[in-house]
Amino acid sequence: VQLQASGGGLVQAGGSLRLSCASSGSILSINTMGWYHQAPGKQRDWVATVTTDGTTLYTDSVKGRFTISRDNAKDTVYLEMKILKPEDTAVYYCNGLRVTAGARYNYWGRGTLVTVSS
């Protein structure tokens, strides 16, 4: 499975962006799809995840502003970002985690840069 993130760009504070993560294969077998971000000079941090049954989780800093969703028919995961802040500036990475009996498969895509100007 290969993941490709897209949709990043430059936006003013308060604006919105929608990121997409397209998979080369079916995401039905991937238990958890998520987004991470990495700001310049910082570590990669978790942002949000969505499970196969649609359960979503968010880091506190994006709750109420970001929405993660998955379209299993299109093998795509989305991150709708609203009320963007300069501190949201980072490279955003898509992640997929598949857990089987005795094995874990972690998939990462190339990131997409989000820049929020003040």
N, C-alpha and C. Protein backbone atom coordinates (compact mmCIF):
# COMPACT_ATOMS: atom_id res chain seq x y z
N VAL A 1 0.85 -1.19 0.00
CA VAL A 1 0.00 0.00 0.00
C VAL A 1 0.88 1.24 0.00
N GLN A 2 0.59 2.15 -0.91
CA GLN A 2 1.28 3.43 -0.93
C GLN A 2 0.26 4.54 -0.69
N LEU A 3 0.68 5.50 0.12
CA LEU A 3 -0.21 6.60 0.46
C LEU A 3 0.33 7.90 -0.12
N GLN A 4 -0.57 8.72 -0.64
CA GLN A 4 -0.16 9.99 -1.22
C GLN A 4 -1.04 11.09 -0.67
N ALA A 5 -0.42 12.01 0.06
CA ALA A 5 -1.16 13.14 0.61
C ALA A 5 -1.13 14.31 -0.35
N SER A 6 -2.20 15.07 -0.34
CA SER A 6 -2.27 16.26 -1.19
C SER A 6 -3.22 17.27 -0.55
N GLY A 7 -3.22 18.47 -1.10
CA GLY A 7 -4.15 19.48 -0.64
C GLY A 7 -3.55 20.59 0.20
N GLY A 8 -2.26 20.47 0.50
CA GLY A 8 -1.64 21.51 1.29
C GLY A 8 -1.49 22.80 0.49
N GLY A 9 -1.09 23.86 1.20
CA GLY A 9 -0.90 25.13 0.53
C GLY A 9 -0.74 26.24 1.53
N LEU A 10 -0.80 27.46 1.01
CA LEU A 10 -0.67 28.66 1.84
C LEU A 10 -2.06 29.24 2.08
N VAL A 11 -2.36 29.51 3.33
CA VAL A 11 -3.67 30.05 3.69
C VAL A 11 -3.49 31.05 4.82
N GLN A 12 -4.37 32.02 4.87
CA GLN A 12 -4.31 33.00 5.96
C GLN A 12 -4.94 32.42 7.22
N ALA A 13 -4.53 32.93 8.33
CA ALA A 13 -5.11 32.52 9.61
C ALA A 13 -6.62 32.70 9.56
N GLY A 14 -7.32 31.69 10.08
CA GLY A 14 -8.78 31.70 10.03
C GLY A 14 -9.35 30.99 8.83
N GLY A 15 -8.49 30.66 7.88
CA GLY A 15 -8.94 30.02 6.66
C GLY A 15 -9.08 28.51 6.81
N SER A 16 -9.36 27.86 5.68
CA SER A 16 -9.62 26.41 5.68
C SER A 16 -8.82 25.73 4.57
N LEU A 17 -8.56 24.47 4.80
CA LEU A 17 -7.95 23.61 3.79
C LEU A 17 -8.50 22.21 3.97
N ARG A 18 -8.50 21.45 2.89
CA ARG A 18 -8.90 20.05 2.96
C ARG A 18 -7.78 19.20 2.39
N LEU A 19 -7.23 18.36 3.25
CA LEU A 19 -6.18 17.44 2.81
C LEU A 19 -6.80 16.11 2.41
N SER A 20 -6.19 15.48 1.43
CA SER A 20 -6.62 14.16 0.99
C SER A 20 -5.45 13.19 1.07
N CYS A 21 -5.75 11.95 1.34
CA CYS A 21 -4.74 10.90 1.35
C CYS A 21 -5.29 9.74 0.54
N ALA A 22 -4.73 9.55 -0.63
CA ALA A 22 -5.18 8.49 -1.52
C ALA A 22 -4.29 7.26 -1.35
N SER A 23 -4.92 6.12 -1.27
CA SER A 23 -4.19 4.86 -1.12
C SER A 23 -4.14 4.12 -2.46
N SER A 24 -3.01 3.46 -2.70
CA SER A 24 -2.89 2.68 -3.93
C SER A 24 -3.63 1.36 -3.84
N GLY A 25 -3.99 0.99 -2.62
CA GLY A 25 -4.74 -0.24 -2.40
C GLY A 25 -5.92 0.00 -1.49
N SER A 26 -6.66 -1.04 -1.25
CA SER A 26 -7.85 -0.92 -0.42
C SER A 26 -7.48 -0.55 1.01
N ILE A 27 -8.23 0.37 1.58
CA ILE A 27 -7.98 0.75 2.97
C ILE A 27 -8.91 -0.01 3.92
N LEU A 28 -9.71 -0.89 3.36
CA LEU A 28 -10.62 -1.66 4.22
C LEU A 28 -9.87 -2.52 5.21
N SER A 29 -8.68 -2.96 4.81
CA SER A 29 -7.89 -3.83 5.69
C SER A 29 -7.00 -3.04 6.64
N ILE A 30 -7.02 -1.73 6.52
CA ILE A 30 -6.19 -0.89 7.38
C ILE A 30 -7.04 -0.43 8.56
N ASN A 31 -6.67 -0.90 9.74
CA ASN A 31 -7.50 -0.67 10.92
C ASN A 31 -7.66 0.81 11.25
N THR A 32 -6.54 1.52 11.17
CA THR A 32 -6.55 2.92 11.58
C THR A 32 -5.85 3.77 10.52
N MET A 33 -6.53 4.80 10.09
CA MET A 33 -5.92 5.78 9.19
C MET A 33 -5.78 7.08 9.97
N GLY A 34 -4.67 7.76 9.77
CA GLY A 34 -4.48 8.97 10.55
C GLY A 34 -3.65 10.02 9.86
N TRP A 35 -3.59 11.16 10.52
CA TRP A 35 -2.76 12.26 10.07
C TRP A 35 -1.81 12.67 11.19
N TYR A 36 -0.59 12.99 10.78
CA TYR A 36 0.42 13.51 11.68
C TYR A 36 0.94 14.80 11.07
N HIS A 37 1.54 15.64 11.89
CA HIS A 37 2.20 16.80 11.33
C HIS A 37 3.56 17.01 11.98
N GLN A 38 4.42 17.67 11.22
CA GLN A 38 5.78 17.94 11.70
C GLN A 38 6.13 19.37 11.35
N ALA A 39 6.23 20.19 12.38
CA ALA A 39 6.63 21.59 12.20
C ALA A 39 8.14 21.67 12.06
N PRO A 40 8.65 22.72 11.46
CA PRO A 40 10.10 22.86 11.28
C PRO A 40 10.85 22.74 12.59
N GLY A 41 11.83 21.87 12.62
CA GLY A 41 12.65 21.70 13.80
C GLY A 41 12.01 20.92 14.93
N LYS A 42 10.84 20.37 14.68
CA LYS A 42 10.15 19.63 15.74
C LYS A 42 9.90 18.19 15.32
N GLN A 43 9.49 17.39 16.26
CA GLN A 43 9.21 15.99 15.97
C GLN A 43 7.84 15.86 15.29
N ARG A 44 7.62 14.71 14.70
CA ARG A 44 6.34 14.43 14.07
C ARG A 44 5.33 14.09 15.16
N ASP A 45 4.20 14.75 15.15
CA ASP A 45 3.19 14.55 16.17
C ASP A 45 1.88 14.08 15.56
N TRP A 46 1.16 13.31 16.33
CA TRP A 46 -0.14 12.80 15.92
C TRP A 46 -1.17 13.91 15.92
N VAL A 47 -2.07 13.91 14.91
CA VAL A 47 -3.13 14.91 14.81
C VAL A 47 -4.51 14.27 15.00
N ALA A 48 -4.77 13.23 14.22
CA ALA A 48 -6.10 12.63 14.26
C ALA A 48 -6.06 11.24 13.67
N THR A 49 -7.00 10.40 14.08
CA THR A 49 -7.14 9.07 13.50
C THR A 49 -8.62 8.73 13.31
N VAL A 50 -8.85 7.83 12.37
CA VAL A 50 -10.19 7.29 12.15
C VAL A 50 -10.06 5.79 11.93
N THR A 51 -10.90 5.03 12.61
CA THR A 51 -10.84 3.58 12.50
C THR A 51 -11.80 3.10 11.41
N THR A 52 -11.77 1.80 11.15
CA THR A 52 -12.62 1.25 10.11
C THR A 52 -14.10 1.41 10.43
N ASP A 53 -14.45 1.48 11.71
CA ASP A 53 -15.85 1.64 12.06
C ASP A 53 -16.25 3.11 12.19
N GLY A 54 -15.31 4.00 11.84
CA GLY A 54 -15.64 5.43 11.83
C GLY A 54 -15.35 6.18 13.12
N THR A 55 -14.80 5.50 14.09
CA THR A 55 -14.45 6.17 15.34
C THR A 55 -13.29 7.14 15.10
N THR A 56 -13.45 8.37 15.59
CA THR A 56 -12.42 9.38 15.38
C THR A 56 -11.82 9.85 16.71
N LEU A 57 -10.56 10.21 16.63
CA LEU A 57 -9.85 10.76 17.78
C LEU A 57 -9.02 11.93 17.30
N TYR A 58 -8.87 12.95 18.17
CA TYR A 58 -8.13 14.14 17.80
C TYR A 58 -7.21 14.58 18.94
N THR A 59 -6.09 15.15 18.57
CA THR A 59 -5.28 15.78 19.59
C THR A 59 -6.00 17.05 20.04
N ASP A 60 -5.76 17.44 21.28
CA ASP A 60 -6.54 18.54 21.87
C ASP A 60 -6.47 19.83 21.07
N SER A 61 -5.33 20.12 20.50
CA SER A 61 -5.14 21.41 19.83
C SER A 61 -6.00 21.59 18.57
N VAL A 62 -6.54 20.50 18.04
CA VAL A 62 -7.33 20.62 16.80
C VAL A 62 -8.80 20.27 17.00
N LYS A 63 -9.16 19.86 18.19
CA LYS A 63 -10.56 19.50 18.45
C LYS A 63 -11.48 20.69 18.17
N GLY A 64 -12.55 20.41 17.45
CA GLY A 64 -13.49 21.47 17.11
C GLY A 64 -13.12 22.22 15.84
N ARG A 65 -11.91 22.02 15.35
CA ARG A 65 -11.47 22.73 14.14
C ARG A 65 -11.20 21.77 12.98
N PHE A 66 -10.69 20.59 13.27
CA PHE A 66 -10.34 19.62 12.24
C PHE A 66 -11.32 18.45 12.27
N THR A 67 -11.57 17.90 11.11
CA THR A 67 -12.42 16.72 10.99
C THR A 67 -11.76 15.70 10.08
N ILE A 68 -11.57 14.49 10.60
CA ILE A 68 -11.00 13.41 9.80
C ILE A 68 -12.13 12.50 9.35
N SER A 69 -12.02 12.02 8.13
CA SER A 69 -13.02 11.10 7.61
C SER A 69 -12.37 10.15 6.61
N ARG A 70 -13.03 9.05 6.36
CA ARG A 70 -12.49 8.09 5.39
C ARG A 70 -13.60 7.66 4.45
N ASP A 71 -13.26 7.51 3.19
CA ASP A 71 -14.18 7.01 2.17
C ASP A 71 -13.60 5.68 1.69
N ASN A 72 -14.09 4.61 2.24
CA ASN A 72 -13.53 3.30 1.91
C ASN A 72 -13.73 2.95 0.43
N ALA A 73 -14.80 3.44 -0.16
CA ALA A 73 -15.07 3.16 -1.57
C ALA A 73 -14.03 3.81 -2.47
N LYS A 74 -13.52 4.95 -2.04
CA LYS A 74 -12.51 5.68 -2.82
C LYS A 74 -11.10 5.45 -2.29
N ASP A 75 -10.98 4.65 -1.24
CA ASP A 75 -9.66 4.40 -0.63
C ASP A 75 -8.94 5.70 -0.32
N THR A 76 -9.68 6.60 0.28
CA THR A 76 -9.15 7.93 0.56
C THR A 76 -9.55 8.38 1.96
N VAL A 77 -8.63 9.08 2.59
CA VAL A 77 -8.88 9.67 3.91
C VAL A 77 -8.73 11.18 3.76
N TYR A 78 -9.55 11.91 4.49
CA TYR A 78 -9.55 13.36 4.39
C TYR A 78 -9.28 13.99 5.75
N LEU A 79 -8.74 15.18 5.71
CA LEU A 79 -8.61 16.00 6.91
C LEU A 79 -9.11 17.39 6.56
N GLU A 80 -10.29 17.71 7.05
CA GLU A 80 -10.87 19.03 6.85
C GLU A 80 -10.36 19.92 7.98
N MET A 81 -9.69 21.00 7.60
CA MET A 81 -9.08 21.88 8.59
C MET A 81 -9.72 23.26 8.49
N LYS A 82 -10.26 23.72 9.60
CA LYS A 82 -10.91 25.03 9.63
C LYS A 82 -10.30 25.88 10.73
N ILE A 83 -10.57 27.15 10.66
CA ILE A 83 -10.05 28.12 11.64
C ILE A 83 -8.56 27.87 11.84
N LEU A 84 -7.84 27.82 10.77
CA LEU A 84 -6.42 27.52 10.83
C LEU A 84 -5.65 28.62 11.55
N LYS A 85 -4.63 28.18 12.27
CA LYS A 85 -3.78 29.09 13.05
C LYS A 85 -2.35 28.98 12.54
N PRO A 86 -1.55 30.01 12.75
CA PRO A 86 -0.15 29.93 12.33
C PRO A 86 0.58 28.72 12.92
N GLU A 87 0.20 28.33 14.12
CA GLU A 87 0.85 27.17 14.75
C GLU A 87 0.46 25.85 14.10
N ASP A 88 -0.49 25.87 13.19
CA ASP A 88 -0.82 24.66 12.43
C ASP A 88 0.14 24.45 11.26
N THR A 89 1.00 25.42 11.02
CA THR A 89 1.97 25.31 9.93
C THR A 89 2.87 24.11 10.15
N ALA A 90 2.90 23.22 9.17
CA ALA A 90 3.69 21.99 9.29
C ALA A 90 3.55 21.19 7.99
N VAL A 91 4.37 20.18 7.90
CA VAL A 91 4.17 19.17 6.86
C VAL A 91 3.22 18.12 7.44
N TYR A 92 2.17 17.81 6.72
CA TYR A 92 1.17 16.86 7.17
C TYR A 92 1.37 15.53 6.46
N TYR A 93 1.42 14.47 7.26
CA TYR A 93 1.66 13.13 6.73
C TYR A 93 0.45 12.23 7.00
N CYS A 94 0.17 11.41 6.02
CA CYS A 94 -0.89 10.42 6.15
C CYS A 94 -0.28 9.11 6.65
N ASN A 95 -1.01 8.43 7.49
CA ASN A 95 -0.52 7.17 8.06
C ASN A 95 -1.61 6.12 8.05
N GLY A 96 -1.19 4.88 7.83
CA GLY A 96 -2.11 3.77 7.92
C GLY A 96 -1.52 2.68 8.78
N LEU A 97 -2.29 2.13 9.68
CA LEU A 97 -1.81 1.08 10.56
C LEU A 97 -2.71 -0.15 10.42
N ARG A 98 -2.10 -1.24 9.99
CA ARG A 98 -2.84 -2.50 9.85
C ARG A 98 -2.30 -3.49 10.86
N VAL A 99 -3.18 -4.05 11.65
CA VAL A 99 -2.78 -5.00 12.67
C VAL A 99 -3.41 -6.35 12.35
N THR A 100 -2.55 -7.35 12.22
CA THR A 100 -3.03 -8.71 12.02
C THR A 100 -2.51 -9.57 13.16
N ALA A 101 -2.87 -10.82 13.15
CA ALA A 101 -2.38 -11.71 14.19
C ALA A 101 -0.87 -11.80 14.10
N GLY A 102 -0.19 -11.21 15.08
CA GLY A 102 1.25 -11.32 15.13
C GLY A 102 2.04 -10.34 14.29
N ALA A 103 1.38 -9.38 13.65
CA ALA A 103 2.13 -8.44 12.82
C ALA A 103 1.45 -7.08 12.78
N ARG A 104 2.27 -6.05 12.67
CA ARG A 104 1.78 -4.69 12.52
C ARG A 104 2.43 -4.09 11.28
N TYR A 105 1.63 -3.47 10.45
CA TYR A 105 2.12 -2.85 9.24
C TYR A 105 1.82 -1.36 9.33
N ASN A 106 2.87 -0.56 9.23
CA ASN A 106 2.75 0.88 9.35
C ASN A 106 3.07 1.51 8.00
N TYR A 107 2.13 2.22 7.43
CA TYR A 107 2.32 2.83 6.13
C TYR A 107 2.37 4.35 6.27
N TRP A 108 3.32 4.94 5.57
CA TRP A 108 3.45 6.40 5.57
C TRP A 108 3.47 6.91 4.14
N GLY A 109 2.86 8.07 3.95
CA GLY A 109 2.91 8.71 2.66
C GLY A 109 3.83 9.91 2.70
N ARG A 110 4.11 10.45 1.55
CA ARG A 110 4.84 11.71 1.49
C ARG A 110 3.95 12.80 2.05
N GLY A 111 4.56 13.75 2.69
CA GLY A 111 3.79 14.81 3.31
C GLY A 111 3.34 15.88 2.35
N THR A 112 2.44 16.70 2.85
CA THR A 112 2.00 17.87 2.10
C THR A 112 2.12 19.08 3.04
N LEU A 113 2.69 20.16 2.53
CA LEU A 113 3.00 21.30 3.37
C LEU A 113 1.81 22.23 3.52
N VAL A 114 1.52 22.55 4.76
CA VAL A 114 0.48 23.53 5.08
C VAL A 114 1.16 24.72 5.74
N THR A 115 0.95 25.90 5.17
CA THR A 115 1.52 27.12 5.72
C THR A 115 0.39 28.08 6.03
N VAL A 116 0.32 28.50 7.29
CA VAL A 116 -0.73 29.43 7.70
C VAL A 116 -0.07 30.75 8.07
N SER A 117 -0.42 31.78 7.35
CA SER A 117 0.16 33.11 7.60
C SER A 117 -0.72 33.89 8.57
N SER A 118 -0.05 34.71 9.35
CA SER A 118 -0.78 35.51 10.35
C SER A 118 -1.26 36.83 9.77
